[in-house]
Amino acid sequence: MSSIAVIAQVPAENLGWLSSKLLGVTLTSAEWVLWILVVLSVLSIAIMLERTVYFARNRLPDSESLAVRLARGELEAVRVAIQGRRGMEAAIIREGLASAEQGADSVEQVIASTMARERPQYERFLSFLGTLGNNAPFIGLFGTVLGIIKAFHDLGSAGVKGAAIQQTVMGGISEALVATAVGLAVAIPAVVAFNIFNRQLKTLTSRANALGHALVGSLRAEVR
């Protein structure tokens, strides 16, 4: 600990020009980093709520039974069942049925086009959650580094000795580590939500593909 105190007490004039300038920039409170993390946390929570509502409203709870009915050729009944429904699955059925007279090959192209159009609506804001989950710990670590730099600089400026050194350094470091803890607290829910929404999107895509295949298969069976 005494060696650390000696390093902290090195006069600023003994540092290089660039080192002294960077030291002056970093000798600021890490509280602004905490505020950034708080703002990012609020944004992530808002996105999680918005995506939860969107996924819940834009899905067909009975898609399995609809796929069975499509495979049986009950096209008109399925058309009535999806009236007023929103989402990828409903759009694929609706657009596919609207193009049924053009043949199964045309319906396949329409289904692929509809899925490519609808999928980005579900992916919206998910990249923010993924980026936040990957980088929030580093933002918190940056705040911790700033806090430690300031703690050692204050130690050198105060010229304390003995037990006061330990109290000064440990107090500053404990405050600095708060930024790392906050960064992890922001990152973990974002990563969990990102994985959950991606899993739900994969499930929706699989169900939409099943509906599309059922419709195309039914149309081809009618031609035969």
C-alpha atoms as a PDB file:
ATOM      1  CA  MET A   1       0.000   0.000   0.000  1.00  0.00           C
ATOM      2  CA  SER A   2       2.886   2.379   0.727  1.00  0.00           C
ATOM      3  CA  SER A   3       4.293   1.863  -2.779  1.00  0.00           C
ATOM      4  CA  ILE A   4       0.903   2.787  -4.244  1.00  0.00           C
ATOM      5  CA  ALA A   5       0.859   5.949  -2.168  1.00  0.00           C
ATOM      6  CA  VAL A   6       4.320   6.880  -3.455  1.00  0.00           C
ATOM      7  CA  ILE A   7       3.164   6.446  -7.060  1.00  0.00           C
ATOM      8  CA  ALA A   8       0.069   8.518  -6.384  1.00  0.00           C
ATOM      9  CA  GLN A   9       2.186  11.328  -4.996  1.00  0.00           C
ATOM     10  CA  VAL A  10       4.286  11.745  -8.179  1.00  0.00           C
ATOM     11  CA  PRO A  11       3.996  15.431  -9.182  1.00  0.00           C
ATOM     12  CA  ALA A  12       1.987  16.127 -12.294  1.00  0.00           C
ATOM     13  CA  GLU A  13       4.895  18.136 -13.746  1.00  0.00           C
ATOM     14  CA  ASN A  14       6.981  14.945 -13.925  1.00  0.00           C
ATOM     15  CA  LEU A  15       4.451  13.428 -16.310  1.00  0.00           C
ATOM     16  CA  GLY A  16       4.545  13.867 -20.067  1.00  0.00           C
ATOM     17  CA  TRP A  17       2.381  16.467 -21.759  1.00  0.00           C
ATOM     18  CA  LEU A  18      -0.099  13.937 -23.110  1.00  0.00           C
ATOM     19  CA  SER A  19      -0.200  12.001 -19.821  1.00  0.00           C
ATOM     20  CA  SER A  20      -0.907  15.150 -17.833  1.00  0.00           C
ATOM     21  CA  LYS A  21      -3.671  16.199 -20.229  1.00  0.00           C
ATOM     22  CA  LEU A  22      -5.308  12.774 -20.095  1.00  0.00           C
ATOM     23  CA  LEU A  23      -4.973  12.757 -16.315  1.00  0.00           C
ATOM     24  CA  GLY A  24      -6.784  16.075 -16.141  1.00  0.00           C
ATOM     25  CA  VAL A  25      -9.616  14.699 -18.253  1.00  0.00           C
ATOM     26  CA  THR A  26      -9.977  11.510 -16.217  1.00  0.00           C
ATOM     27  CA  LEU A  27      -9.934  13.257 -12.845  1.00  0.00           C
ATOM     28  CA  THR A  28     -13.663  13.779 -12.963  1.00  0.00           C
ATOM     29  CA  SER A  29     -16.412  12.146 -11.028  1.00  0.00           C
ATOM     30  CA  ALA A  30     -17.693   8.831 -12.412  1.00  0.00           C
ATOM     31  CA  GLU A  31     -21.248   9.857 -11.595  1.00  0.00           C
ATOM     32  CA  TRP A  32     -21.919  10.869 -15.196  1.00  0.00           C
ATOM     33  CA  VAL A  33     -21.204   7.260 -16.199  1.00  0.00           C
ATOM     34  CA  LEU A  34     -23.834   6.134 -13.686  1.00  0.00           C
ATOM     35  CA  TRP A  35     -26.338   8.537 -15.196  1.00  0.00           C
ATOM     36  CA  ILE A  36     -25.632   7.112 -18.657  1.00  0.00           C
ATOM     37  CA  LEU A  37     -26.265   3.625 -17.324  1.00  0.00           C
ATOM     38  CA  VAL A  38     -29.500   4.757 -15.662  1.00  0.00           C
ATOM     39  CA  VAL A  39     -30.752   6.288 -18.927  1.00  0.00           C
ATOM     40  CA  LEU A  40     -29.805   3.128 -20.847  1.00  0.00           C
ATOM     41  CA  SER A  41     -31.574   1.030 -18.230  1.00  0.00           C
ATOM     42  CA  VAL A  42     -34.773   3.055 -18.572  1.00  0.00           C
ATOM     43  CA  LEU A  43     -34.617   2.718 -22.357  1.00  0.00           C
ATOM     44  CA  SER A  44     -34.062  -1.029 -22.150  1.00  0.00           C
ATOM     45  CA  ILE A  45     -37.004  -1.483 -19.772  1.00  0.00           C
ATOM     46  CA  ALA A  46     -39.229   0.562 -22.093  1.00  0.00           C
ATOM     47  CA  ILE A  47     -38.155  -1.579 -25.060  1.00  0.00           C
ATOM     48  CA  MET A  48     -38.772  -4.796 -23.112  1.00  0.00           C
ATOM     49  CA  LEU A  49     -42.312  -3.695 -22.259  1.00  0.00           C
ATOM     50  CA  GLU A  50     -43.032  -2.512 -25.798  1.00  0.00           C
ATOM     51  CA  ARG A  51     -41.706  -5.736 -27.351  1.00  0.00           C
ATOM     52  CA  THR A  52     -43.647  -7.866 -24.871  1.00  0.00           C
ATOM     53  CA  VAL A  53     -46.898  -6.143 -25.815  1.00  0.00           C
ATOM     54  CA  TYR A  54     -46.073  -6.318 -29.533  1.00  0.00           C
ATOM     55  CA  PHE A  55     -45.276 -10.031 -29.492  1.00  0.00           C
ATOM     56  CA  ALA A  56     -48.412 -10.759 -27.468  1.00  0.00           C
ATOM     57  CA  ARG A  57     -50.696  -8.828 -29.824  1.00  0.00           C
ATOM     58  CA  ASN A  58     -49.161  -9.997 -33.104  1.00  0.00           C
ATOM     59  CA  ARG A  59     -49.460 -13.759 -32.905  1.00  0.00           C
ATOM     60  CA  LEU A  60     -52.050 -16.468 -33.556  1.00  0.00           C
ATOM     61  CA  PRO A  61     -52.675 -18.547 -30.442  1.00  0.00           C
ATOM     62  CA  ASP A  62     -54.405 -21.237 -32.499  1.00  0.00           C
ATOM     63  CA  SER A  63     -51.937 -21.494 -35.377  1.00  0.00           C
ATOM     64  CA  GLU A  64     -51.563 -25.277 -34.984  1.00  0.00           C
ATOM     65  CA  SER A  65     -55.275 -25.908 -35.498  1.00  0.00           C
ATOM     66  CA  LEU A  66     -55.314 -23.454 -38.412  1.00  0.00           C
ATOM     67  CA  ALA A  67     -52.454 -25.347 -40.070  1.00  0.00           C
ATOM     68  CA  VAL A  68     -54.466 -28.548 -39.783  1.00  0.00           C
ATOM     69  CA  ARG A  69     -57.507 -26.887 -41.320  1.00  0.00           C
ATOM     70  CA  LEU A  70     -55.403 -25.491 -44.159  1.00  0.00           C
ATOM     71  CA  ALA A  71     -53.982 -28.937 -44.855  1.00  0.00           C
ATOM     72  CA  ARG A  72     -57.553 -30.282 -45.050  1.00  0.00           C
ATOM     73  CA  GLY A  73     -58.487 -27.642 -47.607  1.00  0.00           C
ATOM     74  CA  GLU A  74     -60.795 -25.618 -45.346  1.00  0.00           C
ATOM     75  CA  LEU A  75     -59.540 -22.370 -46.871  1.00  0.00           C
ATOM     76  CA  GLU A  76     -62.699 -20.309 -46.480  1.00  0.00           C
ATOM     77  CA  ALA A  77     -63.070 -21.264 -42.817  1.00  0.00           C
ATOM     78  CA  VAL A  78     -59.475 -20.233 -42.172  1.00  0.00           C
ATOM     79  CA  ARG A  79     -60.045 -16.961 -44.010  1.00  0.00           C
ATOM     80  CA  VAL A  80     -62.903 -16.162 -41.651  1.00  0.00           C
ATOM     81  CA  ALA A  81     -60.925 -17.255 -38.577  1.00  0.00           C
ATOM     82  CA  ILE A  82     -58.059 -14.785 -39.205  1.00  0.00           C
ATOM     83  CA  GLN A  83     -60.232 -11.743 -39.854  1.00  0.00           C
ATOM     84  CA  GLY A  84     -59.041  -8.870 -37.675  1.00  0.00           C
ATOM     85  CA  ARG A  85     -55.896 -10.766 -36.626  1.00  0.00           C
ATOM     86  CA  ARG A  86     -52.481  -9.139 -36.876  1.00  0.00           C
ATOM     87  CA  GLY A  87     -48.948 -10.432 -37.129  1.00  0.00           C
ATOM     88  CA  MET A  88     -46.706 -12.516 -39.338  1.00  0.00           C
ATOM     89  CA  GLU A  89     -48.806 -15.670 -39.207  1.00  0.00           C
ATOM     90  CA  ALA A  90     -52.086 -13.930 -40.057  1.00  0.00           C
ATOM     91  CA  ALA A  91     -50.431 -11.909 -42.827  1.00  0.00           C
ATOM     92  CA  ILE A  92     -48.968 -15.026 -44.436  1.00  0.00           C
ATOM     93  CA  ILE A  93     -52.352 -16.775 -44.468  1.00  0.00           C
ATOM     94  CA  ARG A  94     -54.177 -13.668 -45.670  1.00  0.00           C
ATOM     95  CA  GLU A  95     -51.727 -12.890 -48.491  1.00  0.00           C
ATOM     96  CA  GLY A  96     -51.435 -16.540 -49.449  1.00  0.00           C
ATOM     97  CA  LEU A  97     -55.195 -17.011 -49.702  1.00  0.00           C
ATOM     98  CA  ALA A  98     -55.496 -13.813 -51.723  1.00  0.00           C
ATOM     99  CA  SER A  99     -53.029 -15.268 -54.249  1.00  0.00           C
ATOM    100  CA  ALA A 100     -54.457 -18.792 -54.250  1.00  0.00           C
ATOM    101  CA  GLU A 101     -55.960 -18.428 -57.736  1.00  0.00           C
ATOM    102  CA  GLN A 102     -52.499 -17.808 -59.205  1.00  0.00           C
ATOM    103  CA  GLY A 103     -51.265 -21.249 -58.245  1.00  0.00           C
ATOM    104  CA  ALA A 104     -49.126 -22.845 -55.560  1.00  0.00           C
ATOM    105  CA  ASP A 105     -45.821 -21.568 -56.971  1.00  0.00           C
ATOM    106  CA  SER A 106     -47.015 -17.965 -56.862  1.00  0.00           C
ATOM    107  CA  VAL A 107     -48.335 -18.488 -53.325  1.00  0.00           C
ATOM    108  CA  GLU A 108     -44.902 -19.714 -52.233  1.00  0.00           C
ATOM    109  CA  GLN A 109     -43.324 -16.511 -53.526  1.00  0.00           C
ATOM    110  CA  VAL A 110     -45.987 -14.384 -51.856  1.00  0.00           C
ATOM    111  CA  ILE A 111     -45.448 -16.185 -48.533  1.00  0.00           C
ATOM    112  CA  ALA A 112     -41.669 -15.666 -48.718  1.00  0.00           C
ATOM    113  CA  SER A 113     -42.170 -11.991 -49.561  1.00  0.00           C
ATOM    114  CA  THR A 114     -44.672 -11.523 -46.723  1.00  0.00           C
ATOM    115  CA  MET A 115     -42.371 -13.153 -44.204  1.00  0.00           C
ATOM    116  CA  ALA A 116     -39.449 -10.959 -45.310  1.00  0.00           C
ATOM    117  CA  ARG A 117     -41.699  -7.919 -44.871  1.00  0.00           C
ATOM    118  CA  GLU A 118     -43.109  -8.856 -41.481  1.00  0.00           C
ATOM    119  CA  ARG A 119     -39.988 -10.217 -39.752  1.00  0.00           C
ATOM    120  CA  PRO A 120     -38.219  -6.822 -39.320  1.00  0.00           C
ATOM    121  CA  GLN A 121     -41.223  -5.582 -37.340  1.00  0.00           C
ATOM    122  CA  TYR A 122     -40.490  -8.235 -34.708  1.00  0.00           C
ATOM    123  CA  GLU A 123     -36.727  -7.598 -34.778  1.00  0.00           C
ATOM    124  CA  ARG A 124     -37.118  -3.870 -34.140  1.00  0.00           C
ATOM    125  CA  PHE A 125     -35.112  -2.650 -31.112  1.00  0.00           C
ATOM    126  CA  LEU A 126     -33.713  -6.122 -30.416  1.00  0.00           C
ATOM    127  CA  SER A 127     -30.291  -5.025 -31.645  1.00  0.00           C
ATOM    128  CA  PHE A 128     -30.332  -2.313 -28.964  1.00  0.00           C
ATOM    129  CA  LEU A 129     -30.911  -4.907 -26.252  1.00  0.00           C
ATOM    130  CA  GLY A 130     -28.153  -7.115 -27.635  1.00  0.00           C
ATOM    131  CA  THR A 131     -25.687  -4.234 -27.891  1.00  0.00           C
ATOM    132  CA  LEU A 132     -26.562  -2.998 -24.422  1.00  0.00           C
ATOM    133  CA  GLY A 133     -26.161  -6.451 -22.942  1.00  0.00           C
ATOM    134  CA  ASN A 134     -22.713  -6.803 -24.476  1.00  0.00           C
ATOM    135  CA  ASN A 135     -21.399  -3.322 -23.685  1.00  0.00           C
ATOM    136  CA  ALA A 136     -23.036  -2.138 -20.449  1.00  0.00           C
ATOM    137  CA  PRO A 137     -20.434  -3.998 -18.310  1.00  0.00           C
ATOM    138  CA  PHE A 138     -17.665  -2.169 -20.169  1.00  0.00           C
ATOM    139  CA  ILE A 139     -19.359   1.183 -19.568  1.00  0.00           C
ATOM    140  CA  GLY A 140     -19.550   0.317 -15.865  1.00  0.00           C
ATOM    141  CA  LEU A 141     -15.910  -0.775 -15.900  1.00  0.00           C
ATOM    142  CA  PHE A 142     -14.981   2.558 -17.467  1.00  0.00           C
ATOM    143  CA  GLY A 143     -16.687   4.359 -14.600  1.00  0.00           C
ATOM    144  CA  THR A 144     -14.834   2.144 -12.116  1.00  0.00           C
ATOM    145  CA  VAL A 145     -11.481   2.964 -13.714  1.00  0.00           C
ATOM    146  CA  LEU A 146     -12.266   6.678 -13.549  1.00  0.00           C
ATOM    147  CA  GLY A 147     -13.211   6.335  -9.890  1.00  0.00           C
ATOM    148  CA  ILE A 148     -10.011   4.456  -9.031  1.00  0.00           C
ATOM    149  CA  ILE A 149      -7.857   7.025 -10.838  1.00  0.00           C
ATOM    150  CA  LYS A 150      -9.548   9.795  -8.873  1.00  0.00           C
ATOM    151  CA  ALA A 151      -9.183   7.868  -5.601  1.00  0.00           C
ATOM    152  CA  PHE A 152      -5.426   7.470  -6.016  1.00  0.00           C
ATOM    153  CA  HIS A 153      -5.028  11.063  -7.153  1.00  0.00           C
ATOM    154  CA  ASP A 154      -6.903  12.298  -4.079  1.00  0.00           C
ATOM    155  CA  LEU A 155      -4.705  10.057  -1.972  1.00  0.00           C
ATOM    156  CA  GLY A 156      -1.557  11.623  -3.395  1.00  0.00           C
ATOM    157  CA  SER A 157      -2.902  15.134  -3.000  1.00  0.00           C
ATOM    158  CA  ALA A 158      -3.996  14.623   0.611  1.00  0.00           C
ATOM    159  CA  GLY A 159      -0.634  13.377   1.790  1.00  0.00           C
ATOM    160  CA  VAL A 160      -2.183  11.039   4.368  1.00  0.00           C
ATOM    161  CA  LYS A 161      -0.180   8.347   6.129  1.00  0.00           C
ATOM    162  CA  GLY A 162      -0.680   5.118   7.986  1.00  0.00           C
ATOM    163  CA  ALA A 163      -4.196   3.825   8.458  1.00  0.00           C
ATOM    164  CA  ALA A 164      -5.604   6.882   6.717  1.00  0.00           C
ATOM    165  CA  ILE A 165      -4.133   5.604   3.437  1.00  0.00           C
ATOM    166  CA  GLN A 166      -6.131   2.410   3.623  1.00  0.00           C
ATOM    167  CA  GLN A 167      -9.310   4.254   4.559  1.00  0.00           C
ATOM    168  CA  THR A 168      -8.919   6.754   1.710  1.00  0.00           C
ATOM    169  CA  VAL A 169      -8.083   4.203  -0.972  1.00  0.00           C
ATOM    170  CA  MET A 170     -10.617   1.576   0.061  1.00  0.00           C
ATOM    171  CA  GLY A 171     -13.400   4.133   0.376  1.00  0.00           C
ATOM    172  CA  GLY A 172     -12.694   5.506  -3.097  1.00  0.00           C
ATOM    173  CA  ILE A 173     -12.416   2.068  -4.679  1.00  0.00           C
ATOM    174  CA  SER A 174     -15.660   0.843  -3.095  1.00  0.00           C
ATOM    175  CA  GLU A 175     -17.467   3.843  -4.530  1.00  0.00           C
ATOM    176  CA  ALA A 176     -15.852   3.252  -7.919  1.00  0.00           C
ATOM    177  CA  LEU A 177     -16.944  -0.392  -8.006  1.00  0.00           C
ATOM    178  CA  VAL A 178     -20.567   0.732  -7.856  1.00  0.00           C
ATOM    179  CA  ALA A 179     -20.293   1.589 -11.558  1.00  0.00           C
ATOM    180  CA  THR A 180     -19.311  -1.983 -12.407  1.00  0.00           C
ATOM    181  CA  ALA A 181     -22.199  -3.353 -10.357  1.00  0.00           C
ATOM    182  CA  VAL A 182     -24.656  -1.004 -12.080  1.00  0.00           C
ATOM    183  CA  GLY A 183     -23.269  -1.974 -15.484  1.00  0.00           C
ATOM    184  CA  LEU A 184     -23.875  -5.638 -14.751  1.00  0.00           C
ATOM    185  CA  ALA A 185     -27.352  -4.868 -13.390  1.00  0.00           C
ATOM    186  CA  VAL A 186     -28.195  -3.135 -16.676  1.00  0.00           C
ATOM    187  CA  ALA A 187     -26.606  -5.786 -18.910  1.00  0.00           C
ATOM    188  CA  ILE A 188     -28.062  -8.971 -17.417  1.00  0.00           C
ATOM    189  CA  PRO A 189     -31.789  -8.146 -17.944  1.00  0.00           C
ATOM    190  CA  ALA A 190     -31.006  -6.870 -21.450  1.00  0.00           C
ATOM    191  CA  VAL A 191     -29.261 -10.131 -22.395  1.00  0.00           C
ATOM    192  CA  VAL A 192     -32.076 -12.231 -20.913  1.00  0.00           C
ATOM    193  CA  ALA A 193     -34.751 -10.224 -22.740  1.00  0.00           C
ATOM    194  CA  PHE A 194     -32.781 -10.348 -26.005  1.00  0.00           C
ATOM    195  CA  ASN A 195     -32.559 -14.141 -25.843  1.00  0.00           C
ATOM    196  CA  ILE A 196     -36.249 -14.516 -24.911  1.00  0.00           C
ATOM    197  CA  PHE A 197     -37.465 -12.319 -27.770  1.00  0.00           C
ATOM    198  CA  ASN A 198     -35.168 -14.041 -30.260  1.00  0.00           C
ATOM    199  CA  ARG A 199     -36.525 -17.396 -29.137  1.00  0.00           C
ATOM    200  CA  GLN A 200     -40.102 -16.166 -29.532  1.00  0.00           C
ATOM    201  CA  LEU A 201     -39.280 -14.850 -33.009  1.00  0.00           C
ATOM    202  CA  LYS A 202     -37.838 -18.221 -34.033  1.00  0.00           C
ATOM    203  CA  THR A 203     -40.991 -19.929 -32.761  1.00  0.00           C
ATOM    204  CA  LEU A 204     -43.225 -17.492 -34.667  1.00  0.00           C
ATOM    205  CA  THR A 205     -41.181 -17.976 -37.822  1.00  0.00           C
ATOM    206  CA  SER A 206     -41.443 -21.760 -37.543  1.00  0.00           C
ATOM    207  CA  ARG A 207     -45.213 -21.576 -37.030  1.00  0.00           C
ATOM    208  CA  ALA A 208     -45.567 -19.167 -39.964  1.00  0.00           C
ATOM    209  CA  ASN A 209     -43.568 -21.550 -42.171  1.00  0.00           C
ATOM    210  CA  ALA A 210     -45.805 -24.421 -41.091  1.00  0.00           C
ATOM    211  CA  LEU A 211     -48.912 -22.436 -42.060  1.00  0.00           C
ATOM    212  CA  GLY A 212     -47.382 -21.535 -45.405  1.00  0.00           C
ATOM    213  CA  HIS A 213     -46.428 -25.127 -46.184  1.00  0.00           C
ATOM    214  CA  ALA A 214     -49.895 -26.318 -45.196  1.00  0.00           C
ATOM    215  CA  LEU A 215     -51.524 -23.800 -47.535  1.00  0.00           C
ATOM    216  CA  VAL A 216     -49.225 -24.598 -50.467  1.00  0.00           C
ATOM    217  CA  GLY A 217     -49.681 -28.331 -49.923  1.00  0.00           C
ATOM    218  CA  SER A 218     -53.455 -27.945 -49.921  1.00  0.00           C
ATOM    219  CA  LEU A 219     -53.391 -25.947 -53.159  1.00  0.00           C
ATOM    220  CA  ARG A 220     -51.209 -28.506 -54.883  1.00  0.00           C
ATOM    221  CA  ALA A 221     -53.462 -31.311 -53.691  1.00  0.00           C
ATOM    222  CA  GLU A 222     -56.458 -29.554 -55.287  1.00  0.00           C
ATOM    223  CA  VAL A 223     -54.639 -29.305 -58.612  1.00  0.00           C
ATOM    224  CA  ARG A 224     -54.005 -33.040 -58.621  1.00  0.00           C
END
